[in-house]
Amino acid sequence: MEGSMDRLVQLLGDDSVETQLEAAWCLNNIAGGTDEHAIAVLELAGDSLIALLSSGDVPLEVCSCNNNNYCYYSSNSAYGFVLAGHIISWADRLIDFLIDLY
Protein backbone atom coordinates (compact mmCIF):
# COMPACT_ATOMS: atom_id res chain seq x y z
CA MET A 1 0.00 0.00 0.00
CA GLU A 2 1.34 3.33 -1.01
CA GLY A 3 2.43 5.48 1.91
CA SER A 4 2.31 2.68 4.47
CA MET A 5 6.06 2.73 5.12
CA ASP A 6 5.96 6.51 5.51
CA ARG A 7 3.26 6.07 8.13
CA LEU A 8 5.31 3.43 9.94
CA VAL A 9 8.27 5.82 10.03
CA GLN A 10 6.00 8.50 11.51
CA LEU A 11 4.89 6.03 14.18
CA LEU A 12 8.52 5.49 15.19
CA GLY A 13 8.31 9.00 16.65
CA ASP A 14 5.07 8.36 18.56
CA ASP A 15 4.93 9.09 22.29
CA SER A 16 3.93 5.49 23.00
CA VAL A 17 6.80 3.01 23.26
CA GLU A 18 4.36 0.24 22.38
CA THR A 19 3.44 2.01 19.13
CA GLN A 20 7.11 2.61 18.33
CA LEU A 21 7.87 -1.07 18.94
CA GLU A 22 5.03 -2.24 16.69
CA ALA A 23 6.13 0.13 13.91
CA ALA A 24 9.74 -1.01 14.24
CA TRP A 25 8.60 -4.64 14.16
CA CYS A 26 6.60 -4.02 10.95
CA LEU A 27 9.61 -2.35 9.33
CA ASN A 28 11.75 -5.27 10.49
CA ASN A 29 9.45 -7.66 8.65
CA ILE A 30 9.58 -5.52 5.51
CA ALA A 31 13.39 -5.25 5.63
CA GLY A 32 13.61 -9.03 5.83
CA GLY A 33 12.10 -9.34 2.36
CA THR A 34 14.02 -8.55 -0.79
CA ASP A 35 17.05 -6.35 -1.33
CA GLU A 36 14.71 -3.64 -2.57
CA HIS A 37 12.66 -3.88 0.62
CA ALA A 38 15.75 -3.58 2.82
CA ILE A 39 16.98 -0.57 0.85
CA ALA A 40 13.57 1.10 1.08
CA VAL A 41 13.50 0.65 4.86
CA LEU A 42 17.06 1.93 5.09
CA GLU A 43 16.26 5.03 3.05
CA LEU A 44 13.02 5.85 4.85
CA ALA A 45 13.67 4.74 8.40
CA GLY A 46 17.42 4.37 8.87
CA ASP A 47 17.91 7.57 10.86
CA SER A 48 14.85 6.95 13.02
CA LEU A 49 15.89 3.39 13.77
CA ILE A 50 19.37 4.53 14.73
CA ALA A 51 17.88 7.15 17.05
CA LEU A 52 15.74 4.49 18.76
CA LEU A 53 18.89 2.62 19.78
CA SER A 54 19.09 5.04 22.72
CA SER A 55 15.38 5.03 23.58
CA GLY A 56 15.94 3.54 27.04
CA ASP A 57 13.42 0.78 26.30
CA VAL A 58 15.29 -2.50 25.90
CA PRO A 59 12.75 -4.33 23.68
CA LEU A 60 12.53 -1.29 21.38
CA GLU A 61 16.32 -0.97 21.25
CA VAL A 62 16.67 -4.69 20.43
CA CYS A 63 14.06 -4.46 17.67
CA SER A 64 15.75 -1.36 16.23
CA CYS A 65 19.11 -3.11 16.34
CA ASN A 66 17.67 -6.17 14.61
CA ASN A 67 16.08 -3.94 12.01
CA ASN A 68 19.39 -2.24 11.29
CA ASN A 69 21.01 -5.67 11.02
CA TYR A 70 18.39 -6.76 8.50
CA CYS A 71 19.13 -3.70 6.42
CA TYR A 72 22.79 -4.65 6.41
CA TYR A 73 22.65 -8.43 6.12
CA SER A 74 19.38 -9.30 4.37
CA SER A 75 20.79 -8.72 0.93
CA ASN A 76 21.78 -11.77 -1.06
CA SER A 77 24.39 -9.50 -2.54
CA ALA A 78 26.14 -7.12 -0.16
CA TYR A 79 27.84 -5.78 -3.25
CA GLY A 80 24.46 -4.48 -4.41
CA PHE A 81 24.14 -2.45 -1.22
CA VAL A 82 27.61 -1.02 -1.58
CA LEU A 83 27.04 -0.34 -5.24
CA ALA A 84 23.85 1.53 -4.42
CA GLY A 85 25.74 3.58 -1.82
CA HIS A 86 23.05 3.02 0.77
CA ILE A 87 24.92 0.91 3.26
CA ILE A 88 27.90 3.26 3.34
CA SER A 89 25.83 6.30 4.25
CA TRP A 90 23.87 4.23 6.78
CA ALA A 91 27.07 2.95 8.38
CA ASP A 92 28.45 6.49 8.57
CA ARG A 93 25.31 7.67 10.37
CA LEU A 94 25.45 4.71 12.76
CA ILE A 95 29.12 5.34 13.57
CA ASP A 96 28.42 9.05 14.18
CA PHE A 97 25.57 8.08 16.51
CA LEU A 98 27.78 5.68 18.47
CA ILE A 99 30.59 8.23 18.76
CA ASP A 100 28.13 10.84 20.07
CA LEU A 101 26.64 8.31 22.48
CA TYR A 102 29.98 7.43 24.04
PDB file of N, CA and C in Angstrom:
ATOM      1  N   MET A   1       0.833  -1.176   0.000  1.00  0.00           N
ATOM      2  CA  MET A   1       0.000   0.000   0.000  1.00  0.00           C
ATOM      3  C   MET A   1       0.877   1.239   0.000  1.00  0.00           C
ATOM      4  N   GLU A   2       0.549   2.112  -0.885  1.00  0.00           N
ATOM      5  CA  GLU A   2       1.343   3.325  -1.006  1.00  0.00           C
ATOM      6  C   GLU A   2       1.245   4.171   0.268  1.00  0.00           C
ATOM      7  N   GLY A   3       2.387   4.629   0.734  1.00  0.00           N
ATOM      8  CA  GLY A   3       2.429   5.483   1.914  1.00  0.00           C
ATOM      9  C   GLY A   3       2.473   4.739   3.234  1.00  0.00           C
ATOM     10  N   SER A   4       2.347   3.420   3.201  1.00  0.00           N
ATOM     11  CA  SER A   4       2.311   2.677   4.466  1.00  0.00           C
ATOM     12  C   SER A   4       3.655   2.723   5.190  1.00  0.00           C
ATOM     13  N   MET A   5       4.754   2.660   4.444  1.00  0.00           N
ATOM     14  CA  MET A   5       6.064   2.731   5.116  1.00  0.00           C
ATOM     15  C   MET A   5       6.292   4.128   5.677  1.00  0.00           C
ATOM     16  N   ASP A   6       5.840   5.152   4.969  1.00  0.00           N
ATOM     17  CA  ASP A   6       5.958   6.509   5.506  1.00  0.00           C
ATOM     18  C   ASP A   6       5.217   6.630   6.832  1.00  0.00           C
ATOM     19  N   ARG A   7       4.044   6.027   6.898  1.00  0.00           N
ATOM     20  CA  ARG A   7       3.256   6.069   8.133  1.00  0.00           C
ATOM     21  C   ARG A   7       3.968   5.309   9.250  1.00  0.00           C
ATOM     22  N   LEU A   8       4.563   4.179   8.931  1.00  0.00           N
ATOM     23  CA  LEU A   8       5.307   3.427   9.940  1.00  0.00           C
ATOM     24  C   LEU A   8       6.483   4.242  10.473  1.00  0.00           C
ATOM     25  N   VAL A   9       7.162   4.957   9.597  1.00  0.00           N
ATOM     26  CA  VAL A   9       8.273   5.818  10.034  1.00  0.00           C
ATOM     27  C   VAL A   9       7.750   6.912  10.956  1.00  0.00           C
ATOM     28  N   GLN A  10       6.599   7.486  10.624  1.00  0.00           N
ATOM     29  CA  GLN A  10       5.996   8.499  11.508  1.00  0.00           C
ATOM     30  C   GLN A  10       5.711   7.907  12.885  1.00  0.00           C
ATOM     31  N   LEU A  11       5.221   6.674  12.904  1.00  0.00           N
ATOM     32  CA  LEU A  11       4.888   6.030  14.176  1.00  0.00           C
ATOM     33  C   LEU A  11       6.115   5.730  15.024  1.00  0.00           C
ATOM     34  N   LEU A  12       7.291   5.673  14.408  1.00  0.00           N
ATOM     35  CA  LEU A  12       8.520   5.491  15.193  1.00  0.00           C
ATOM     36  C   LEU A  12       8.745   6.670  16.128  1.00  0.00           C
ATOM     37  N   GLY A  13       8.167   7.814  15.811  1.00  0.00           N
ATOM     38  CA  GLY A  13       8.305   9.002  16.650  1.00  0.00           C
ATOM     39  C   GLY A  13       7.138   9.217  17.600  1.00  0.00           C
ATOM     40  N   ASP A  14       6.245   8.261  17.698  1.00  0.00           N
ATOM     41  CA  ASP A  14       5.074   8.365  18.562  1.00  0.00           C
ATOM     42  C   ASP A  14       5.500   8.436  20.027  1.00  0.00           C
ATOM     43  N   ASP A  15       4.644   9.000  20.860  1.00  0.00           N
ATOM     44  CA  ASP A  15       4.933   9.090  22.290  1.00  0.00           C
ATOM     45  C   ASP A  15       4.845   7.740  22.991  1.00  0.00           C
ATOM     46  N   SER A  16       4.129   6.809  22.404  1.00  0.00           N
ATOM     47  CA  SER A  16       3.929   5.491  23.004  1.00  0.00           C
ATOM     48  C   SER A  16       5.042   4.537  22.575  1.00  0.00           C
ATOM     49  N   VAL A  17       5.739   3.975  23.547  1.00  0.00           N
ATOM     50  CA  VAL A  17       6.796   3.006  23.259  1.00  0.00           C
ATOM     51  C   VAL A  17       6.204   1.778  22.579  1.00  0.00           C
ATOM     52  N   GLU A  18       5.007   1.392  22.984  1.00  0.00           N
ATOM     53  CA  GLU A  18       4.357   0.237  22.378  1.00  0.00           C
ATOM     54  C   GLU A  18       4.113   0.469  20.885  1.00  0.00           C
ATOM     55  N   THR A  19       3.669   1.674  20.540  1.00  0.00           N
ATOM     56  CA  THR A  19       3.438   2.014  19.131  1.00  0.00           C
ATOM     57  C   THR A  19       4.753   2.029  18.363  1.00  0.00           C
ATOM     58  N   GLN A  20       5.795   2.587  18.965  1.00  0.00           N
ATOM     59  CA  GLN A  20       7.111   2.610  18.328  1.00  0.00           C
ATOM     60  C   GLN A  20       7.602   1.188  18.071  1.00  0.00           C
ATOM     61  N   LEU A  21       7.422   0.314  19.064  1.00  0.00           N
ATOM     62  CA  LEU A  21       7.873  -1.069  18.938  1.00  0.00           C
ATOM     63  C   LEU A  21       7.122  -1.785  17.820  1.00  0.00           C
ATOM     64  N   GLU A  22       5.814  -1.599  17.749  1.00  0.00           N
ATOM     65  CA  GLU A  22       5.027  -2.237  16.692  1.00  0.00           C
ATOM     66  C   GLU A  22       5.446  -1.732  15.313  1.00  0.00           C
ATOM     67  N   ALA A  23       5.693  -0.433  15.191  1.00  0.00           N
ATOM     68  CA  ALA A  23       6.127   0.131  13.906  1.00  0.00           C
ATOM     69  C   ALA A  23       7.501  -0.411  13.521  1.00  0.00           C
ATOM     70  N   ALA A  24       8.407  -0.475  14.502  1.00  0.00           N
ATOM     71  CA  ALA A  24       9.744  -1.006  14.236  1.00  0.00           C
ATOM     72  C   ALA A  24       9.658  -2.478  13.838  1.00  0.00           C
ATOM     73  N   TRP A  25       8.779  -3.215  14.470  1.00  0.00           N
ATOM     74  CA  TRP A  25       8.603  -4.637  14.159  1.00  0.00           C
ATOM     75  C   TRP A  25       8.095  -4.800  12.723  1.00  0.00           C
ATOM     76  N   CYS A  26       7.121  -3.970  12.329  1.00  0.00           N
ATOM     77  CA  CYS A  26       6.601  -4.023  10.954  1.00  0.00           C
ATOM     78  C   CYS A  26       7.711  -3.722   9.945  1.00  0.00           C
ATOM     79  N   LEU A  27       8.506  -2.696  10.225  1.00  0.00           N
ATOM     80  CA  LEU A  27       9.609  -2.353   9.330  1.00  0.00           C
ATOM     81  C   LEU A  27      10.644  -3.465   9.291  1.00  0.00           C
ATOM     82  N   ASN A  28      10.843  -4.133  10.424  1.00  0.00           N
ATOM     83  CA  ASN A  28      11.754  -5.271  10.493  1.00  0.00           C
ATOM     84  C   ASN A  28      11.290  -6.373   9.539  1.00  0.00           C
ATOM     85  N   ASN A  29       9.999  -6.643   9.545  1.00  0.00           N
ATOM     86  CA  ASN A  29       9.454  -7.661   8.650  1.00  0.00           C
ATOM     87  C   ASN A  29       9.618  -7.263   7.185  1.00  0.00           C
ATOM     88  N   ILE A  30       9.425  -6.000   6.883  1.00  0.00           N
ATOM     89  CA  ILE A  30       9.585  -5.522   5.506  1.00  0.00           C
ATOM     90  C   ILE A  30      11.045  -5.642   5.082  1.00  0.00           C
ATOM     91  N   ALA A  31      11.961  -5.215   5.953  1.00  0.00           N
ATOM     92  CA  ALA A  31      13.392  -5.247   5.626  1.00  0.00           C
ATOM     93  C   ALA A  31      13.895  -6.666   5.397  1.00  0.00           C
ATOM     94  N   GLY A  32      13.211  -7.639   5.986  1.00  0.00           N
ATOM     95  CA  GLY A  32      13.609  -9.028   5.827  1.00  0.00           C
ATOM     96  C   GLY A  32      13.177  -9.636   4.503  1.00  0.00           C
ATOM     97  N   GLY A  33      12.548  -8.853   3.658  1.00  0.00           N
ATOM     98  CA  GLY A  33      12.097  -9.342   2.359  1.00  0.00           C
ATOM     99  C   GLY A  33      13.218  -9.345   1.340  1.00  0.00           C
ATOM    100  N   THR A  34      13.031  -8.605   0.285  1.00  0.00           N
ATOM    101  CA  THR A  34      14.016  -8.554  -0.791  1.00  0.00           C
ATOM    102  C   THR A  34      15.045  -7.457  -0.545  1.00  0.00           C
ATOM    103  N   ASP A  35      16.063  -7.424  -1.392  1.00  0.00           N
ATOM    104  CA  ASP A  35      17.050  -6.347  -1.326  1.00  0.00           C
ATOM    105  C   ASP A  35      16.373  -4.990  -1.452  1.00  0.00           C
ATOM    106  N   GLU A  36      15.415  -4.909  -2.355  1.00  0.00           N
ATOM    107  CA  GLU A  36      14.712  -3.640  -2.566  1.00  0.00           C
ATOM    108  C   GLU A  36      13.951  -3.222  -1.312  1.00  0.00           C
ATOM    109  N   HIS A  37      13.372  -4.192  -0.621  1.00  0.00           N
ATOM    110  CA  HIS A  37      12.663  -3.879   0.622  1.00  0.00           C
ATOM    111  C   HIS A  37      13.633  -3.340   1.675  1.00  0.00           C
ATOM    112  N   ALA A  38      14.763  -4.008   1.824  1.00  0.00           N
ATOM    113  CA  ALA A  38      15.750  -3.575   2.820  1.00  0.00           C
ATOM    114  C   ALA A  38      16.259  -2.170   2.508  1.00  0.00           C
ATOM    115  N   ILE A  39      16.509  -1.892   1.239  1.00  0.00           N
ATOM    116  CA  ILE A  39      16.983  -0.565   0.852  1.00  0.00           C
ATOM    117  C   ILE A  39      15.917   0.475   1.115  1.00  0.00           C
ATOM    118  N   ALA A  40      14.658   0.151   0.831  1.00  0.00           N
ATOM    119  CA  ALA A  40      13.569   1.099   1.075  1.00  0.00           C
ATOM    120  C   ALA A  40      13.454   1.425   2.561  1.00  0.00           C
ATOM    121  N   VAL A  41      13.555   0.407   3.413  1.00  0.00           N
ATOM    122  CA  VAL A  41      13.500   0.649   4.856  1.00  0.00           C
ATOM    123  C   VAL A  41      14.697   1.492   5.287  1.00  0.00           C
ATOM    124  N   LEU A  42      15.843   1.176   4.764  1.00  0.00           N
ATOM    125  CA  LEU A  42      17.055   1.925   5.089  1.00  0.00           C
ATOM    126  C   LEU A  42      16.917   3.398   4.711  1.00  0.00           C
ATOM    127  N   GLU A  43      16.414   3.655   3.518  1.00  0.00           N
ATOM    128  CA  GLU A  43      16.256   5.033   3.055  1.00  0.00           C
ATOM    129  C   GLU A  43      15.226   5.800   3.882  1.00  0.00           C
ATOM    130  N   LEU A  44      14.117   5.155   4.178  1.00  0.00           N
ATOM    131  CA  LEU A  44      13.023   5.854   4.851  1.00  0.00           C
ATOM    132  C   LEU A  44      13.174   5.903   6.366  1.00  0.00           C
ATOM    133  N   ALA A  45      13.710   4.852   6.946  1.00  0.00           N
ATOM    134  CA  ALA A  45      13.668   4.735   8.402  1.00  0.00           C
ATOM    135  C   ALA A  45      15.031   4.618   9.067  1.00  0.00           C
ATOM    136  N   GLY A  46      16.097   4.587   8.294  1.00  0.00           N
ATOM    137  CA  GLY A  46      17.423   4.367   8.872  1.00  0.00           C
ATOM    138  C   GLY A  46      17.762   5.302  10.009  1.00  0.00           C
ATOM    139  N   ASP A  47      17.573   6.600   9.813  1.00  0.00           N
ATOM    140  CA  ASP A  47      17.914   7.570  10.859  1.00  0.00           C
ATOM    141  C   ASP A  47      17.042   7.386  12.099  1.00  0.00           C
ATOM    142  N   SER A  48      15.756   7.140  11.881  1.00  0.00           N
ATOM    143  CA  SER A  48      14.847   6.951  13.018  1.00  0.00           C
ATOM    144  C   SER A  48      15.194   5.695  13.801  1.00  0.00           C
ATOM    145  N   LEU A  49      15.534   4.627  13.092  1.00  0.00           N
ATOM    146  CA  LEU A  49      15.890   3.386  13.772  1.00  0.00           C
ATOM    147  C   LEU A  49      17.190   3.531  14.551  1.00  0.00           C
ATOM    148  N   ILE A  50      18.120   4.268  14.004  1.00  0.00           N
ATOM    149  CA  ILE A  50      19.373   4.527  14.731  1.00  0.00           C
ATOM    150  C   ILE A  50      19.084   5.324  15.998  1.00  0.00           C
ATOM    151  N   ALA A  51      18.221   6.330  15.888  1.00  0.00           N
ATOM    152  CA  ALA A  51      17.883   7.152  17.052  1.00  0.00           C
ATOM    153  C   ALA A  51      17.218   6.325  18.150  1.00  0.00           C
ATOM    154  N   LEU A  52      16.427   5.323  17.769  1.00  0.00           N
ATOM    155  CA  LEU A  52      15.738   4.493  18.763  1.00  0.00           C
ATOM    156  C   LEU A  52      16.687   3.583  19.533  1.00  0.00           C
ATOM    157  N   LEU A  53      17.922   3.447  19.067  1.00  0.00           N
ATOM    158  CA  LEU A  53      18.894   2.619  19.784  1.00  0.00           C
ATOM    159  C   LEU A  53      19.209   3.182  21.170  1.00  0.00           C
ATOM    160  N   SER A  54      18.869   4.442  21.404  1.00  0.00           N
ATOM    161  CA  SER A  54      19.094   5.045  22.724  1.00  0.00           C
ATOM    162  C   SER A  54      17.772   5.428  23.379  1.00  0.00           C
ATOM    163  N   SER A  55      16.711   4.698  23.073  1.00  0.00           N
ATOM    164  CA  SER A  55      15.383   5.029  23.585  1.00  0.00           C
ATOM    165  C   SER A  55      15.238   4.773  25.085  1.00  0.00           C
ATOM    166  N   GLY A  56      16.070   3.891  25.628  1.00  0.00           N
ATOM    167  CA  GLY A  56      15.936   3.535  27.036  1.00  0.00           C
ATOM    168  C   GLY A  56      14.982   2.374  27.267  1.00  0.00           C
ATOM    169  N   ASP A  57      14.319   1.921  26.211  1.00  0.00           N
ATOM    170  CA  ASP A  57      13.421   0.776  26.303  1.00  0.00           C
ATOM    171  C   ASP A  57      14.111  -0.404  25.628  1.00  0.00           C
ATOM    172  N   VAL A  58      14.478  -1.406  26.417  1.00  0.00           N
ATOM    173  CA  VAL A  58      15.291  -2.505  25.902  1.00  0.00           C
ATOM    174  C   VAL A  58      14.619  -3.240  24.737  1.00  0.00           C
ATOM    175  N   PRO A  59      13.344  -3.641  24.833  1.00  0.00           N
ATOM    176  CA  PRO A  59      12.746  -4.329  23.676  1.00  0.00           C
ATOM    177  C   PRO A  59      12.757  -3.469  22.400  1.00  0.00           C
ATOM    178  N   LEU A  60      12.511  -2.179  22.538  1.00  0.00           N
ATOM    179  CA  LEU A  60      12.535  -1.288  21.382  1.00  0.00           C
ATOM    180  C   LEU A  60      13.950  -1.159  20.828  1.00  0.00           C
ATOM    181  N   GLU A  61      14.932  -1.059  21.699  1.00  0.00           N
ATOM    182  CA  GLU A  61      16.325  -0.971  21.250  1.00  0.00           C
ATOM    183  C   GLU A  61      16.754  -2.253  20.538  1.00  0.00           C
ATOM    184  N   VAL A  62      16.331  -3.407  21.061  1.00  0.00           N
ATOM    185  CA  VAL A  62      16.669  -4.688  20.433  1.00  0.00           C
ATOM    186  C   VAL A  62      16.026  -4.780  19.059  1.00  0.00           C
ATOM    187  N   CYS A  63      14.755  -4.405  18.957  1.00  0.00           N
ATOM    188  CA  CYS A  63      14.061  -4.458  17.671  1.00  0.00           C
ATOM    189  C   CYS A  63      14.717  -3.510  16.671  1.00  0.00           C
ATOM    190  N   SER A  64      15.087  -2.320  17.121  1.00  0.00           N
ATOM    191  CA  SER A  64      15.755  -1.365  16.232  1.00  0.00           C
ATOM    192  C   SER A  64      17.101  -1.894  15.776  1.00  0.00           C
ATOM    193  N   CYS A  65      17.820  -2.518  16.683  1.00  0.00           N
ATOM    194  CA  CYS A  65      19.113  -3.110  16.339  1.00  0.00           C
ATOM    195  C   CYS A  65      18.925  -4.231  15.320  1.00  0.00           C
ATOM    196  N   ASN A  66      17.943  -5.087  15.555  1.00  0.00           N
ATOM    197  CA  ASN A  66      17.667  -6.170  14.614  1.00  0.00           C
ATOM    198  C   ASN A  66      17.274  -5.619  13.248  1.00  0.00           C
ATOM    199  N   ASN A  67      16.502  -4.559  13.258  1.00  0.00           N
ATOM    200  CA  ASN A  67      16.079  -3.939  12.014  1.00  0.00           C
ATOM    201  C   ASN A  67      17.283  -3.414  11.245  1.00  0.00           C
ATOM    202  N   ASN A  68      18.179  -2.747  11.944  1.00  0.00           N
ATOM    203  CA  ASN A  68      19.389  -2.243  11.291  1.00  0.00           C
ATOM    204  C   ASN A  68      20.231  -3.390  10.760  1.00  0.00           C
ATOM    205  N   ASN A  69      20.276  -4.496  11.503  1.00  0.00           N
ATOM    206  CA  ASN A  69      21.009  -5.673  11.023  1.00  0.00           C
ATOM    207  C   ASN A  69      20.391  -6.227   9.751  1.00  0.00           C
ATOM    208  N   TYR A  70      19.060  -6.296   9.715  1.00  0.00           N
ATOM    209  CA  TYR A  70      18.390  -6.759   8.500  1.00  0.00           C
ATOM    210  C   TYR A  70      18.779  -5.904   7.308  1.00  0.00           C
ATOM    211  N   CYS A  71      18.794  -4.603   7.520  1.00  0.00           N
ATOM    212  CA  CYS A  71      19.130  -3.699   6.418  1.00  0.00           C
ATOM    213  C   CYS A  71      20.542  -3.966   5.916  1.00  0.00           C
ATOM    214  N   TYR A  72      21.409  -4.388   6.807  1.00  0.00           N
ATOM    215  CA  TYR A  72      22.788  -4.647   6.413  1.00  0.00           C
ATOM    216  C   TYR A  72      22.970  -6.041   5.835  1.00  0.00           C
ATOM    217  N   TYR A  73      22.353  -7.041   6.468  1.00  0.00           N
ATOM    218  CA  TYR A  73      22.645  -8.432   6.119  1.00  0.00           C
ATOM    219  C   TYR A  73      21.611  -9.135   5.250  1.00  0.00           C
ATOM    220  N   SER A  74      20.431  -8.551   5.056  1.00  0.00           N
ATOM    221  CA  SER A  74      19.380  -9.298   4.370  1.00  0.00           C
ATOM    222  C   SER A  74      19.634  -9.454   2.878  1.00  0.00           C
ATOM    223  N   SER A  75      20.514  -8.648   2.357  1.00  0.00           N
ATOM    224  CA  SER A  75      20.786  -8.719   0.931  1.00  0.00           C
ATOM    225  C   SER A  75      21.482 -10.017   0.568  1.00  0.00           C
ATOM    226  N   ASN A  76      21.055 -10.617  -0.521  1.00  0.00           N
ATOM    227  CA  ASN A  76      21.781 -11.767  -1.057  1.00  0.00           C
ATOM    228  C   ASN A  76      23.104 -11.309  -1.633  1.00  0.00           C
ATOM    229  N   SER A  77      23.182 -10.046  -1.944  1.00  0.00           N
ATOM    230  CA  SER A  77      24.386  -9.497  -2.540  1.00  0.00           C
ATOM    231  C   SER A  77      24.776  -8.221  -1.824  1.00  0.00           C
ATOM    232  N   ALA A  78      25.683  -8.322  -0.859  1.00  0.00           N
ATOM    233  CA  ALA A  78      26.143  -7.123  -0.157  1.00  0.00           C
ATOM    234  C   ALA A  78      26.740  -6.138  -1.139  1.00  0.00           C
ATOM    235  N   TYR A  79      27.279  -6.646  -2.219  1.00  0.00           N
ATOM    236  CA  TYR A  79      27.840  -5.782  -3.254  1.00  0.00           C
ATOM    237  C   TYR A  79      26.781  -4.835  -3.798  1.00  0.00           C
ATOM    238  N   GLY A  80      25.552  -5.330  -3.925  1.00  0.00           N
ATOM    239  CA  GLY A  80      24.463  -4.484  -4.407  1.00  0.00           C
ATOM    240  C   GLY A  80      24.212  -3.312  -3.487  1.00  0.00           C
ATOM    241  N   PHE A  81      24.316  -3.547  -2.173  1.00  0.00           N
ATOM    242  CA  PHE A  81      24.143  -2.455  -1.218  1.00  0.00           C
ATOM    243  C   PHE A  81      25.260  -1.434  -1.374  1.00  0.00           C
ATOM    244  N   VAL A  82      26.469  -1.923  -1.454  1.00  0.00           N
ATOM    245  CA  VAL A  82      27.612  -1.019  -1.578  1.00  0.00           C
ATOM    246  C   VAL A  82      27.524  -0.254  -2.889  1.00  0.00           C
ATOM    247  N   LEU A  83      27.173  -0.967  -3.931  1.00  0.00           N
ATOM    248  CA  LEU A  83      27.042  -0.338  -5.235  1.00  0.00           C
ATOM    249  C   LEU A  83      26.002   0.771  -5.197  1.00  0.00           C
ATOM    250  N   ALA A  84      24.910   0.536  -4.495  1.00  0.00           N
ATOM    251  CA  ALA A  84      23.852   1.535  -4.415  1.00  0.00           C
ATOM    252  C   ALA A  84      24.252   2.691  -3.498  1.00  0.00           C
ATOM    253  N   GLY A  85      25.275   2.517  -2.708  1.00  0.00           N
ATOM    254  CA  GLY A  85      25.744   3.582  -1.823  1.00  0.00           C
ATOM    255  C   GLY A  85      24.950   3.707  -0.541  1.00  0.00           C
ATOM    256  N   HIS A  86      23.927   2.890  -0.381  1.00  0.00           N
ATOM    257  CA  HIS A  86      23.052   3.023   0.772  1.00  0.00           C
ATOM    258  C   HIS A  86      23.723   2.574   2.057  1.00  0.00           C
ATOM    259  N   ILE A  87      24.371   1.450   2.023  1.00  0.00           N
ATOM    260  CA  ILE A  87      24.922   0.908   3.261  1.00  0.00           C
ATOM    261  C   ILE A  87      26.067   1.767   3.780  1.00  0.00           C
ATOM    262  N   ILE A  88      26.795   2.410   2.892  1.00  0.00           N
ATOM    263  CA  ILE A  88      27.904   3.256   3.335  1.00  0.00           C
ATOM    264  C   ILE A  88      27.380   4.464   4.093  1.00  0.00           C
ATOM    265  N   SER A  89      26.359   5.133   3.557  1.00  0.00           N
ATOM    266  CA  SER A  89      25.830   6.305   4.254  1.00  0.00           C
ATOM    267  C   SER A  89      25.148   5.884   5.559  1.00  0.00           C
ATOM    268  N   TRP A  90      24.486   4.723   5.561  1.00  0.00           N
ATOM    269  CA  TRP A  90      23.868   4.229   6.783  1.00  0.00           C
ATOM    270  C   TRP A  90      24.936   3.935   7.827  1.00  0.00           C
ATOM    271  N   ALA A  91      25.998   3.283   7.440  1.00  0.00           N
ATOM    272  CA  ALA A  91      27.067   2.946   8.381  1.00  0.00           C
ATOM    273  C   ALA A  91      27.711   4.204   8.939  1.00  0.00           C
ATOM    274  N   ASP A  92      27.894   5.209   8.097  1.00  0.00           N
ATOM    275  CA  ASP A  92      28.448   6.486   8.571  1.00  0.00           C
ATOM    276  C   ASP A  92      27.555   7.112   9.630  1.00  0.00           C
ATOM    277  N   ARG A  93      26.244   7.093   9.399  1.00  0.00           N
ATOM    278  CA  ARG A  93      25.313   7.667  10.375  1.00  0.00           C
ATOM    279  C   ARG A  93      25.331   6.872  11.675  1.00  0.00           C
ATOM    280  N   LEU A  94      25.416   5.546  11.572  1.00  0.00           N
ATOM    281  CA  LEU A  94      25.453   4.709  12.764  1.00  0.00           C
ATOM    282  C   LEU A  94      26.731   4.958  13.561  1.00  0.00           C
ATOM    283  N   ILE A  95      27.846   5.069  12.886  1.00  0.00           N
ATOM    284  CA  ILE A  95      29.120   5.342  13.566  1.00  0.00           C
ATOM    285  C   ILE A  95      29.078   6.701  14.246  1.00  0.00           C
ATOM    286  N   ASP A  96      28.557   7.721  13.572  1.00  0.00           N
ATOM    287  CA  ASP A  96      28.420   9.050  14.178  1.00  0.00           C
ATOM    288  C   ASP A  96      27.558   8.987  15.430  1.00  0.00           C
ATOM    289  N   PHE A  97      26.456   8.230  15.350  1.00  0.00           N
ATOM    290  CA  PHE A  97      25.568   8.076  16.505  1.00  0.00           C
ATOM    291  C   PHE A  97      26.321   7.445  17.674  1.00  0.00           C
ATOM    292  N   LEU A  98      27.054   6.384  17.408  1.00  0.00           N
ATOM    293  CA  LEU A  98      27.775   5.680  18.473  1.00  0.00           C
ATOM    294  C   LEU A  98      28.868   6.555  19.080  1.00  0.00           C
ATOM    295  N   ILE A  99      29.545   7.323  18.250  1.00  0.00           N
ATOM    296  CA  ILE A  99      30.586   8.234  18.764  1.00  0.00           C
ATOM    297  C   ILE A  99      29.959   9.278  19.680  1.00  0.00           C
ATOM    298  N   ASP A 100      28.823   9.843  19.247  1.00  0.00           N
ATOM    299  CA  ASP A 100      28.135  10.842  20.074  1.00  0.00           C
ATOM    300  C   ASP A 100      27.610  10.240  21.361  1.00  0.00           C
ATOM    301  N   LEU A 101      27.193   8.985  21.315  1.00  0.00           N
ATOM    302  CA  LEU A 101      26.636   8.312  22.477  1.00  0.00           C
ATOM    303  C   LEU A 101      27.698   8.081  23.539  1.00  0.00           C
ATOM    304  N   TYR A 102      28.906   7.737  23.094  1.00  0.00           N
ATOM    305  CA  TYR A 102      29.977   7.434  24.040  1.00  0.00           C
ATOM    306  C   TYR A 102      31.022   8.493  24.012  1.00  0.00           C
TER     307      TYR A 102
END
